Amino acid sequence: MGSNPTLSDSTDNKAALDAKCLADEILAAGHDLDVALPRYEAARLLFGRRAVARARWLGAHLEAQNTPREQRSEAALHQYPEQVLSEVDKQVAEIPELAELETLAR
């Protein structure tokens, strides 16, 4: 993994982001694990929830393509595979709802 993580290789990248967050929380808590671990858990759960929400949003774009055009909702008519492709390999820093959390962790 490089210095600019993406979610496309999510297992390695999430592990690296988790490790960095844990190290940051331990340092911020003065090495007090009783303080650091709950803060780490809260931060990573929020990040995970936002990553899942984003995956669902991207999945909705793909799912819309399986519905006949005349049966799609107005919103689904404006969902294009090209948009998903442009989103897939973005760096975490390029995804506002995730970048915000990584910035707060620093």
Protein backbone atom coordinates (compact mmCIF):
# COMPACT_ATOMS: atom_id res chain seq x y z
CA MET A 1 0.00 0.00 0.00
CA GLY A 2 1.26 3.47 -0.83
CA SER A 3 0.95 6.59 1.23
CA ASN A 4 -2.38 7.43 -0.39
CA PRO A 5 -4.78 4.59 0.46
CA THR A 6 -7.78 3.72 -1.68
CA LEU A 7 -10.72 1.52 -0.82
CA SER A 8 -10.34 -0.62 -3.96
CA ASP A 9 -7.97 -3.00 -2.17
CA SER A 10 -9.93 -2.63 1.02
CA THR A 11 -8.46 -5.45 3.14
CA ASP A 12 -4.86 -4.22 3.08
CA ASN A 13 -5.82 -0.57 3.15
CA LYS A 14 -8.33 -0.91 5.96
CA ALA A 15 -5.79 -2.85 8.02
CA ALA A 16 -3.21 -0.09 7.48
CA LEU A 17 -5.72 2.65 8.33
CA ASP A 18 -6.82 0.71 11.43
CA ALA A 19 -3.21 0.29 12.58
CA LYS A 20 -2.46 3.98 12.09
CA CYS A 21 -5.61 4.99 13.94
CA LEU A 22 -4.78 2.66 16.83
CA ALA A 23 -1.24 4.01 17.08
CA ASP A 24 -2.52 7.60 16.96
CA GLU A 25 -5.09 6.94 19.68
CA ILE A 26 -2.52 5.24 21.94
CA LEU A 27 -0.17 8.20 21.55
CA ALA A 28 -2.96 10.73 22.09
CA ALA A 29 -4.01 8.90 25.27
CA GLY A 30 -0.48 8.91 26.66
CA HIS A 31 -0.25 5.11 26.20
CA ASP A 32 -3.32 4.57 28.41
CA LEU A 33 -5.08 1.65 26.68
CA ASP A 34 -8.21 2.05 28.79
CA VAL A 35 -8.65 5.47 27.17
CA ALA A 36 -7.24 4.70 23.72
CA LEU A 37 -9.13 1.52 22.87
CA PRO A 38 -12.70 2.87 23.22
CA ARG A 39 -11.74 5.95 21.20
CA TYR A 40 -10.15 3.74 18.54
CA GLU A 41 -13.24 1.52 18.41
CA ALA A 42 -15.59 4.48 18.00
CA ALA A 43 -13.47 6.03 15.26
CA ARG A 44 -13.14 2.82 13.25
CA LEU A 45 -16.82 1.91 13.60
CA LEU A 46 -17.80 5.31 12.22
CA PHE A 47 -15.31 4.94 9.35
CA GLY A 48 -16.64 1.44 8.62
CA ARG A 49 -20.25 2.60 8.60
CA ARG A 50 -19.44 5.38 6.18
CA ALA A 51 -17.46 3.02 3.92
CA VAL A 52 -20.42 0.59 3.85
CA ALA A 53 -22.85 3.43 3.09
CA ARG A 54 -20.63 4.49 0.22
CA ALA A 55 -20.48 0.93 -1.13
CA ARG A 56 -24.28 0.75 -1.01
CA TRP A 57 -24.52 4.07 -2.85
CA LEU A 58 -22.19 2.78 -5.57
CA GLY A 59 -24.10 -0.51 -5.70
CA ALA A 60 -27.35 1.38 -6.31
CA HIS A 61 -25.80 2.86 -9.44
CA LEU A 62 -24.95 -0.60 -10.73
CA GLU A 63 -28.30 -2.09 -9.74
CA ALA A 64 -30.14 0.65 -11.63
CA GLN A 65 -28.61 -0.67 -14.85
CA ASN A 66 -30.43 -4.02 -14.42
CA THR A 67 -33.87 -2.41 -14.42
CA PRO A 68 -35.51 -1.65 -17.76
CA ARG A 69 -35.26 2.07 -18.45
CA GLU A 70 -39.03 2.57 -18.48
CA GLN A 71 -39.29 1.04 -14.97
CA ARG A 72 -36.56 3.16 -13.36
CA SER A 73 -37.28 5.93 -10.91
CA GLU A 74 -36.36 9.48 -11.84
CA ALA A 75 -33.23 9.23 -9.67
CA ALA A 76 -32.23 5.90 -11.24
CA LEU A 77 -32.44 7.41 -14.72
CA HIS A 78 -29.48 9.60 -13.79
CA GLN A 79 -27.24 6.82 -12.48
CA TYR A 80 -24.53 5.79 -14.94
CA PRO A 81 -21.86 3.07 -14.77
CA GLU A 82 -19.25 5.67 -15.73
CA GLN A 83 -19.90 7.43 -12.44
CA VAL A 84 -19.21 4.23 -10.50
CA LEU A 85 -16.02 3.60 -12.46
CA SER A 86 -14.78 7.11 -11.70
CA GLU A 87 -15.41 6.50 -7.99
CA VAL A 88 -13.96 3.01 -7.57
CA ASP A 89 -10.25 3.77 -7.28
CA LYS A 90 -10.44 7.08 -5.44
CA GLN A 91 -8.04 7.69 -2.61
CA VAL A 92 -9.55 7.99 0.85
CA ALA A 93 -8.53 11.66 0.81
CA GLU A 94 -10.75 12.15 -2.28
CA ILE A 95 -13.89 10.77 -0.58
CA PRO A 96 -15.23 13.61 1.57
CA GLU A 97 -17.18 11.50 4.06
CA LEU A 98 -14.11 9.33 4.74
CA ALA A 99 -11.39 11.97 4.39
CA GLU A 100 -13.12 14.03 7.08
CA LEU A 101 -12.68 11.18 9.56
CA GLU A 102 -9.05 10.58 8.67
CA THR A 103 -8.35 14.30 9.05
CA LEU A 104 -10.03 14.36 12.47
CA ALA A 105 -7.89 11.40 13.57
CA ARG A 106 -4.68 13.32 12.95
